[in-house]
Amino acid sequence: MSYSLSILRRAQKELAQIPHGDYERVVEAIRDLAENPRPAGCRKLAAREGWRIRVGDFRVIYEIDDGQRSVTVLHVGNRRDVYR
C-alpha cells in the first residue's frame, strides 16, 4: 500500500533550482518515497525531526506520518546547504 506524497512550496522552489541532469534523479527518488518511505540508505535525522535520503550530492529531507500514510517533503538541496 502506498503513501500519499506532498511537497511543501519551499521544497518545490528548491527542486526547481536543481540542474536538469540531477533534477530527473531527485524527482524519481521522491516519487519512490510514496512506495517505500524508508528505502535502503535513508537515515533518521538526529538534530531535528525527519528523515533524509541521498541522491548524489543532493539531499531530500522529509517526514513520515504512518498513521495517515503520508510523506511530506520539507527540503531539497545540495548537501552543503540543506541542513542549515
PDB file of N, CA and C in Angstrom:
ATOM      1  N   MET A   1       0.853  -1.181   0.000  1.00  0.00           N
ATOM      2  CA  MET A   1       0.000   0.000   0.000  1.00  0.00           C
ATOM      3  C   MET A   1       0.895   1.238   0.000  1.00  0.00           C
ATOM      4  N   SER A   2       0.582   2.173  -0.851  1.00  0.00           N
ATOM      5  CA  SER A   2       1.445   3.343  -0.998  1.00  0.00           C
ATOM      6  C   SER A   2       1.013   4.489  -0.085  1.00  0.00           C
ATOM      7  N   TYR A   3       1.941   5.386   0.119  1.00  0.00           N
ATOM      8  CA  TYR A   3       1.728   6.587   0.925  1.00  0.00           C
ATOM      9  C   TYR A   3       1.367   7.743   0.000  1.00  0.00           C
ATOM     10  N   SER A   4       0.612   8.702   0.535  1.00  0.00           N
ATOM     11  CA  SER A   4       0.366   9.925  -0.240  1.00  0.00           C
ATOM     12  C   SER A   4       1.618  10.793  -0.118  1.00  0.00           C
ATOM     13  N   LEU A   5       1.891  11.562  -1.142  1.00  0.00           N
ATOM     14  CA  LEU A   5       3.116  12.347  -1.203  1.00  0.00           C
ATOM     15  C   LEU A   5       2.765  13.813  -1.362  1.00  0.00           C
ATOM     16  N   SER A   6       3.336  14.659  -0.507  1.00  0.00           N
ATOM     17  CA  SER A   6       3.142  16.102  -0.651  1.00  0.00           C
ATOM     18  C   SER A   6       4.498  16.781  -0.526  1.00  0.00           C
ATOM     19  N   ILE A   7       4.643  17.870  -1.263  1.00  0.00           N
ATOM     20  CA  ILE A   7       5.896  18.622  -1.276  1.00  0.00           C
ATOM     21  C   ILE A   7       5.575  20.052  -0.880  1.00  0.00           C
ATOM     22  N   LEU A   8       6.221  20.539   0.170  1.00  0.00           N
ATOM     23  CA  LEU A   8       5.998  21.918   0.597  1.00  0.00           C
ATOM     24  C   LEU A   8       6.423  22.886  -0.500  1.00  0.00           C
ATOM     25  N   ARG A   9       5.802  24.063  -0.523  1.00  0.00           N
ATOM     26  CA  ARG A   9       6.119  25.076  -1.535  1.00  0.00           C
ATOM     27  C   ARG A   9       7.609  25.425  -1.518  1.00  0.00           C
ATOM     28  N   ARG A  10       8.180  25.520  -0.332  1.00  0.00           N
ATOM     29  CA  ARG A  10       9.609  25.820  -0.197  1.00  0.00           C
ATOM     30  C   ARG A  10      10.447  24.747  -0.888  1.00  0.00           C
ATOM     31  N   ALA A  11      10.071  23.485  -0.701  1.00  0.00           N
ATOM     32  CA  ALA A  11      10.801  22.379  -1.324  1.00  0.00           C
ATOM     33  C   ALA A  11      10.599  22.379  -2.838  1.00  0.00           C
ATOM     34  N   GLN A  12       9.424  22.785  -3.307  1.00  0.00           N
ATOM     35  CA  GLN A  12       9.182  22.878  -4.751  1.00  0.00           C
ATOM     36  C   GLN A  12      10.097  23.914  -5.384  1.00  0.00           C
ATOM     37  N   LYS A  13      10.275  25.045  -4.712  1.00  0.00           N
ATOM     38  CA  LYS A  13      11.166  26.083  -5.222  1.00  0.00           C
ATOM     39  C   LYS A  13      12.612  25.605  -5.235  1.00  0.00           C
ATOM     40  N   GLU A  14      13.014  24.898  -4.177  1.00  0.00           N
ATOM     41  CA  GLU A  14      14.372  24.358  -4.121  1.00  0.00           C
ATOM     42  C   GLU A  14      14.592  23.327  -5.221  1.00  0.00           C
ATOM     43  N   LEU A  15      13.583  22.519  -5.466  1.00  0.00           N
ATOM     44  CA  LEU A  15      13.660  21.494  -6.509  1.00  0.00           C
ATOM     45  C   LEU A  15      13.792  22.123  -7.889  1.00  0.00           C
ATOM     46  N   ALA A  16      13.111  23.221  -8.121  1.00  0.00           N
ATOM     47  CA  ALA A  16      13.155  23.893  -9.420  1.00  0.00           C
ATOM     48  C   ALA A  16      14.533  24.469  -9.727  1.00  0.00           C
ATOM     49  N   GLN A  17      15.369  24.684  -8.716  1.00  0.00           N
ATOM     50  CA  GLN A  17      16.693  25.268  -8.917  1.00  0.00           C
ATOM     51  C   GLN A  17      17.782  24.224  -9.164  1.00  0.00           C
ATOM     52  N   ILE A  18      17.429  22.952  -9.107  1.00  0.00           N
ATOM     53  CA  ILE A  18      18.411  21.885  -9.320  1.00  0.00           C
ATOM     54  C   ILE A  18      18.699  21.759 -10.819  1.00  0.00           C
ATOM     55  N   PRO A  19      19.976  21.574 -11.209  1.00  0.00           N
ATOM     56  CA  PRO A  19      20.319  21.401 -12.627  1.00  0.00           C
ATOM     57  C   PRO A  19      19.560  20.231 -13.250  1.00  0.00           C
ATOM     58  N   HIS A  20      19.270  20.343 -14.535  1.00  0.00           N
ATOM     59  CA  HIS A  20      18.381  19.409 -15.225  1.00  0.00           C
ATOM     60  C   HIS A  20      18.799  17.944 -15.083  1.00  0.00           C
ATOM     61  N   GLY A  21      20.057  17.632 -15.244  1.00  0.00           N
ATOM     62  CA  GLY A  21      20.507  16.244 -15.162  1.00  0.00           C
ATOM     63  C   GLY A  21      20.241  15.621 -13.805  1.00  0.00           C
ATOM     64  N   ASP A  22      20.474  16.369 -12.756  1.00  0.00           N
ATOM     65  CA  ASP A  22      20.235  15.879 -11.397  1.00  0.00           C
ATOM     66  C   ASP A  22      18.755  15.939 -11.040  1.00  0.00           C
ATOM     67  N   TYR A  23      18.035  16.858 -11.623  1.00  0.00           N
ATOM     68  CA  TYR A  23      16.619  17.053 -11.342  1.00  0.00           C
ATOM     69  C   TYR A  23      15.833  15.760 -11.562  1.00  0.00           C
ATOM     70  N   GLU A  24      16.071  15.093 -12.681  1.00  0.00           N
ATOM     71  CA  GLU A  24      15.347  13.870 -13.004  1.00  0.00           C
ATOM     72  C   GLU A  24      15.586  12.787 -11.952  1.00  0.00           C
ATOM     73  N   ARG A  25      16.827  12.646 -11.501  1.00  0.00           N
ATOM     74  CA  ARG A  25      17.137  11.628 -10.490  1.00  0.00           C
ATOM     75  C   ARG A  25      16.482  11.954  -9.156  1.00  0.00           C
ATOM     76  N   VAL A  26      16.485  13.221  -8.777  1.00  0.00           N
ATOM     77  CA  VAL A  26      15.889  13.632  -7.499  1.00  0.00           C
ATOM     78  C   VAL A  26      14.375  13.430  -7.531  1.00  0.00           C
ATOM     79  N   VAL A  27      13.741  13.806  -8.625  1.00  0.00           N
ATOM     80  CA  VAL A  27      12.291  13.636  -8.751  1.00  0.00           C
ATOM     81  C   VAL A  27      11.918  12.158  -8.687  1.00  0.00           C
ATOM     82  N   GLU A  28      12.695  11.317  -9.340  1.00  0.00           N
ATOM     83  CA  GLU A  28      12.434   9.872  -9.310  1.00  0.00           C
ATOM     84  C   GLU A  28      12.566   9.330  -7.886  1.00  0.00           C
ATOM     85  N   ALA A  29      13.579   9.788  -7.151  1.00  0.00           N
ATOM     86  CA  ALA A  29      13.760   9.349  -5.767  1.00  0.00           C
ATOM     87  C   ALA A  29      12.587   9.795  -4.892  1.00  0.00           C
ATOM     88  N   ILE A  30      12.079  11.004  -5.134  1.00  0.00           N
ATOM     89  CA  ILE A  30      10.930  11.499  -4.366  1.00  0.00           C
ATOM     90  C   ILE A  30       9.692  10.670  -4.683  1.00  0.00           C
ATOM     91  N   ARG A  31       9.483  10.351  -5.941  1.00  0.00           N
ATOM     92  CA  ARG A  31       8.329   9.515  -6.321  1.00  0.00           C
ATOM     93  C   ARG A  31       8.403   8.138  -5.670  1.00  0.00           C
ATOM     94  N   ASP A  32       9.607   7.598  -5.569  1.00  0.00           N
ATOM     95  CA  ASP A  32       9.782   6.278  -4.955  1.00  0.00           C
ATOM     96  C   ASP A  32       9.440   6.283  -3.473  1.00  0.00           C
ATOM     97  N   LEU A  33       9.506   7.445  -2.822  1.00  0.00           N
ATOM     98  CA  LEU A  33       9.160   7.535  -1.401  1.00  0.00           C
ATOM     99  C   LEU A  33       7.699   7.170  -1.146  1.00  0.00           C
ATOM    100  N   ALA A  34       6.828   7.363  -2.134  1.00  0.00           N
ATOM    101  CA  ALA A  34       5.418   7.017  -1.968  1.00  0.00           C
ATOM    102  C   ALA A  34       5.245   5.509  -1.812  1.00  0.00           C
ATOM    103  N   GLU A  35       6.079   4.723  -2.469  1.00  0.00           N
ATOM    104  CA  GLU A  35       6.003   3.274  -2.371  1.00  0.00           C
ATOM    105  C   GLU A  35       6.766   2.733  -1.166  1.00  0.00           C
ATOM    106  N   ASN A  36       7.929   3.333  -0.888  1.00  0.00           N
ATOM    107  CA  ASN A  36       8.771   2.881   0.223  1.00  0.00           C
ATOM    108  C   ASN A  36       9.370   4.104   0.917  1.00  0.00           C
ATOM    109  N   PRO A  37       8.731   4.594   1.987  1.00  0.00           N
ATOM    110  CA  PRO A  37       9.224   5.810   2.641  1.00  0.00           C
ATOM    111  C   PRO A  37      10.525   5.622   3.420  1.00  0.00           C
ATOM    112  N   ARG A  38      10.932   4.392   3.614  1.00  0.00           N
ATOM    113  CA  ARG A  38      12.204   4.113   4.308  1.00  0.00           C
ATOM    114  C   ARG A  38      13.081   3.219   3.433  1.00  0.00           C
ATOM    115  N   PRO A  39      13.577   3.762   2.319  1.00  0.00           N
ATOM    116  CA  PRO A  39      14.401   2.940   1.417  1.00  0.00           C
ATOM    117  C   PRO A  39      15.775   2.663   2.019  1.00  0.00           C
ATOM    118  N   ALA A  40      16.499   1.754   1.402  1.00  0.00           N
ATOM    119  CA  ALA A  40      17.858   1.455   1.858  1.00  0.00           C
ATOM    120  C   ALA A  40      18.689   2.731   1.774  1.00  0.00           C
ATOM    121  N   GLY A  41      19.433   3.004   2.819  1.00  0.00           N
ATOM    122  CA  GLY A  41      20.278   4.195   2.835  1.00  0.00           C
ATOM    123  C   GLY A  41      19.636   5.419   3.447  1.00  0.00           C
ATOM    124  N   CYS A  42      18.354   5.354   3.796  1.00  0.00           N
ATOM    125  CA  CYS A  42      17.732   6.516   4.437  1.00  0.00           C
ATOM    126  C   CYS A  42      18.221   6.593   5.876  1.00  0.00           C
ATOM    127  N   ARG A  43      18.184   7.787   6.429  1.00  0.00           N
ATOM    128  CA  ARG A  43      18.628   7.992   7.808  1.00  0.00           C
ATOM    129  C   ARG A  43      17.633   8.857   8.555  1.00  0.00           C
ATOM    130  N   LYS A  44      17.415   8.531   9.811  1.00  0.00           N
ATOM    131  CA  LYS A  44      16.625   9.396  10.681  1.00  0.00           C
ATOM    132  C   LYS A  44      17.535  10.521  11.140  1.00  0.00           C
ATOM    133  N   LEU A  45      17.057  11.748  11.071  1.00  0.00           N
ATOM    134  CA  LEU A  45      17.866  12.895  11.465  1.00  0.00           C
ATOM    135  C   LEU A  45      17.950  12.995  12.982  1.00  0.00           C
ATOM    136  N   ALA A  46      19.117  13.334  13.482  1.00  0.00           N
ATOM    137  CA  ALA A  46      19.325  13.445  14.922  1.00  0.00           C
ATOM    138  C   ALA A  46      19.055  14.863  15.424  1.00  0.00           C
ATOM    139  N   ALA A  47      19.400  15.857  14.620  1.00  0.00           N
ATOM    140  CA  ALA A  47      19.298  17.243  15.066  1.00  0.00           C
ATOM    141  C   ALA A  47      17.865  17.781  15.012  1.00  0.00           C
ATOM    142  N   ARG A  48      17.023  17.168  14.215  1.00  0.00           N
ATOM    143  CA  ARG A  48      15.630  17.618  14.114  1.00  0.00           C
ATOM    144  C   ARG A  48      14.757  16.461  13.653  1.00  0.00           C
ATOM    145  N   GLU A  49      13.461  16.692  13.607  1.00  0.00           N
ATOM    146  CA  GLU A  49      12.539  15.665  13.165  1.00  0.00           C
ATOM    147  C   GLU A  49      12.715  15.392  11.678  1.00  0.00           C
ATOM    148  N   GLY A  50      12.530  14.176  11.284  1.00  0.00           N
ATOM    149  CA  GLY A  50      12.520  13.860   9.873  1.00  0.00           C
ATOM    150  C   GLY A  50      13.528  12.805   9.468  1.00  0.00           C
ATOM    151  N   TRP A  51      13.525  12.531   8.179  1.00  0.00           N
ATOM    152  CA  TRP A  51      14.385  11.545   7.549  1.00  0.00           C
ATOM    153  C   TRP A  51      15.084  12.206   6.381  1.00  0.00           C
ATOM    154  N   ARG A  52      16.143  11.546   5.869  1.00  0.00           N
ATOM    155  CA  ARG A  52      16.816  12.065   4.691  1.00  0.00           C
ATOM    156  C   ARG A  52      17.251  10.917   3.802  1.00  0.00           C
ATOM    157  N   ILE A  53      17.229  11.196   2.498  1.00  0.00           N
ATOM    158  CA  ILE A  53      17.809  10.283   1.524  1.00  0.00           C
ATOM    159  C   ILE A  53      18.840  11.055   0.721  1.00  0.00           C
ATOM    160  N   ARG A  54      19.829  10.335   0.223  1.00  0.00           N
ATOM    161  CA  ARG A  54      20.881  10.929  -0.595  1.00  0.00           C
ATOM    162  C   ARG A  54      20.616  10.596  -2.056  1.00  0.00           C
ATOM    163  N   VAL A  55      20.776  11.610  -2.906  1.00  0.00           N
ATOM    164  CA  VAL A  55      20.688  11.426  -4.355  1.00  0.00           C
ATOM    165  C   VAL A  55      21.889  12.170  -4.929  1.00  0.00           C
ATOM    166  N   GLY A  56      23.017  11.483  -5.043  1.00  0.00           N
ATOM    167  CA  GLY A  56      24.251  12.136  -5.470  1.00  0.00           C
ATOM    168  C   GLY A  56      24.669  13.153  -4.428  1.00  0.00           C
ATOM    169  N   ASP A  57      24.912  14.389  -4.861  1.00  0.00           N
ATOM    170  CA  ASP A  57      25.280  15.462  -3.933  1.00  0.00           C
ATOM    171  C   ASP A  57      24.067  16.140  -3.316  1.00  0.00           C
ATOM    172  N   PHE A  58      22.874  15.683  -3.644  1.00  0.00           N
ATOM    173  CA  PHE A  58      21.655  16.314  -3.156  1.00  0.00           C
ATOM    174  C   PHE A  58      21.025  15.488  -2.053  1.00  0.00           C
ATOM    175  N   ARG A  59      20.296  16.172  -1.180  1.00  0.00           N
ATOM    176  CA  ARG A  59      19.606  15.533  -0.071  1.00  0.00           C
ATOM    177  C   ARG A  59      18.134  15.902  -0.119  1.00  0.00           C
ATOM    178  N   VAL A  60      17.293  14.948   0.230  1.00  0.00           N
ATOM    179  CA  VAL A  60      15.854  15.170   0.344  1.00  0.00           C
ATOM    180  C   VAL A  60      15.509  14.938   1.812  1.00  0.00           C
ATOM    181  N   ILE A  61      15.002  15.973   2.473  1.00  0.00           N
ATOM    182  CA  ILE A  61      14.593  15.907   3.871  1.00  0.00           C
ATOM    183  C   ILE A  61      13.073  15.786   3.893  1.00  0.00           C
ATOM    184  N   TYR A  62      12.571  14.790   4.624  1.00  0.00           N
ATOM    185  CA  TYR A  62      11.127  14.560   4.623  1.00  0.00           C
ATOM    186  C   TYR A  62      10.667  13.993   5.946  1.00  0.00           C
ATOM    187  N   GLU A  63       9.353  14.060   6.163  1.00  0.00           N
ATOM    188  CA  GLU A  63       8.727  13.499   7.356  1.00  0.00           C
ATOM    189  C   GLU A  63       7.760  12.410   6.928  1.00  0.00           C
ATOM    190  N   ILE A  64       7.602  11.409   7.790  1.00  0.00           N
ATOM    191  CA  ILE A  64       6.697  10.297   7.524  1.00  0.00           C
ATOM    192  C   ILE A  64       5.621  10.287   8.597  1.00  0.00           C
ATOM    193  N   ASP A  65       4.358  10.180   8.177  1.00  0.00           N
ATOM    194  CA  ASP A  65       3.240  10.023   9.104  1.00  0.00           C
ATOM    195  C   ASP A  65       2.608   8.668   8.803  1.00  0.00           C
ATOM    196  N   ASP A  66       2.979   7.665   9.610  1.00  0.00           N
ATOM    197  CA  ASP A  66       2.476   6.311   9.362  1.00  0.00           C
ATOM    198  C   ASP A  66       0.982   6.194   9.655  1.00  0.00           C
ATOM    199  N   GLY A  67       0.470   7.010  10.557  1.00  0.00           N
ATOM    200  CA  GLY A  67      -0.953   6.974  10.884  1.00  0.00           C
ATOM    201  C   GLY A  67      -1.825   7.357   9.696  1.00  0.00           C
ATOM    202  N   GLN A  68      -1.440   8.420   9.009  1.00  0.00           N
ATOM    203  CA  GLN A  68      -2.200   8.879   7.844  1.00  0.00           C
ATOM    204  C   GLN A  68      -1.599   8.388   6.537  1.00  0.00           C
ATOM    205  N   ARG A  69      -0.513   7.623   6.634  1.00  0.00           N
ATOM    206  CA  ARG A  69       0.178   7.073   5.475  1.00  0.00           C
ATOM    207  C   ARG A  69       0.538   8.180   4.488  1.00  0.00           C
ATOM    208  N   SER A  70       1.273   9.167   4.989  1.00  0.00           N
ATOM    209  CA  SER A  70       1.681  10.282   4.138  1.00  0.00           C
ATOM    210  C   SER A  70       3.165  10.592   4.329  1.00  0.00           C
ATOM    211  N   VAL A  71       3.769  11.103   3.260  1.00  0.00           N
ATOM    212  CA  VAL A  71       5.152  11.553   3.258  1.00  0.00           C
ATOM    213  C   VAL A  71       5.137  13.015   2.839  1.00  0.00           C
ATOM    214  N   THR A  72       5.787  13.880   3.611  1.00  0.00           N
ATOM    215  CA  THR A  72       5.862  15.304   3.303  1.00  0.00           C
ATOM    216  C   THR A  72       7.319  15.686   3.088  1.00  0.00           C
ATOM    217  N   VAL A  73       7.640  16.169   1.883  1.00  0.00           N
ATOM    218  CA  VAL A  73       8.998  16.600   1.571  1.00  0.00           C
ATOM    219  C   VAL A  73       9.168  18.020   2.085  1.00  0.00           C
ATOM    220  N   LEU A  74      10.178  18.229   2.947  1.00  0.00           N
ATOM    221  CA  LEU A  74      10.403  19.520   3.584  1.00  0.00           C
ATOM    222  C   LEU A  74      11.453  20.349   2.857  1.00  0.00           C
ATOM    223  N   HIS A  75      12.575  19.726   2.489  1.00  0.00           N
ATOM    224  CA  HIS A  75      13.680  20.436   1.838  1.00  0.00           C
ATOM    225  C   HIS A  75      14.314  19.541   0.788  1.00  0.00           C
ATOM    226  N   VAL A  76      14.806  20.183  -0.269  1.00  0.00           N
ATOM    227  CA  VAL A  76      15.583  19.506  -1.293  1.00  0.00           C
ATOM    228  C   VAL A  76      16.745  20.440  -1.627  1.00  0.00           C
ATOM    229  N   GLY A  77      17.961  19.916  -1.582  1.00  0.00           N
ATOM    230  CA  GLY A  77      19.088  20.784  -1.912  1.00  0.00           C
ATOM    231  C   GLY A  77      20.414  20.093  -1.858  1.00  0.00           C
ATOM    232  N   ASN A  78      21.442  20.860  -2.172  1.00  0.00           N
ATOM    233  CA  ASN A  78      22.803  20.362  -2.128  1.00  0.00           C
ATOM    234  C   ASN A  78      23.163  20.036  -0.680  1.00  0.00           C
ATOM    235  N   ARG A  79      23.989  19.051  -0.493  1.00  0.00           N
ATOM    236  CA  ARG A  79      24.332  18.594   0.848  1.00  0.00           C
ATOM    237  C   ARG A  79      24.964  19.666   1.712  1.00  0.00           C
ATOM    238  N   ARG A  80      25.654  20.621   1.111  1.00  0.00           N
ATOM    239  CA  ARG A  80      26.316  21.656   1.914  1.00  0.00           C
ATOM    240  C   ARG A  80      25.329  22.700   2.427  1.00  0.00           C
ATOM    241  N   ASP A  81      24.128  22.781   1.825  1.00  0.00           N
ATOM    242  CA  ASP A  81      23.169  23.819   2.179  1.00  0.00           C
ATOM    243  C   ASP A  81      21.917  23.307   2.890  1.00  0.00           C
ATOM    244  N   VAL A  82      21.539  22.080   2.672  1.00  0.00           N
ATOM    245  CA  VAL A  82      20.210  21.624   3.061  1.00  0.00           C
ATOM    246  C   VAL A  82      20.001  21.506   4.573  1.00  0.00           C
ATOM    247  N   TYR A  83      21.048  21.311   5.338  1.00  0.00           N
ATOM    248  CA  TYR A  83      20.870  21.136   6.781  1.00  0.00           C
ATOM    249  C   TYR A  83      20.856  22.459   7.545  1.00  0.00           C
ATOM    250  N   ARG A  84      21.071  23.574   6.878  1.00  0.00           N
ATOM    251  CA  ARG A  84      21.106  24.880   7.540  1.00  0.00           C
ATOM    252  C   ARG A  84      19.721  25.426   7.766  1.00  0.00           C
TER     253      ARG A  84
END
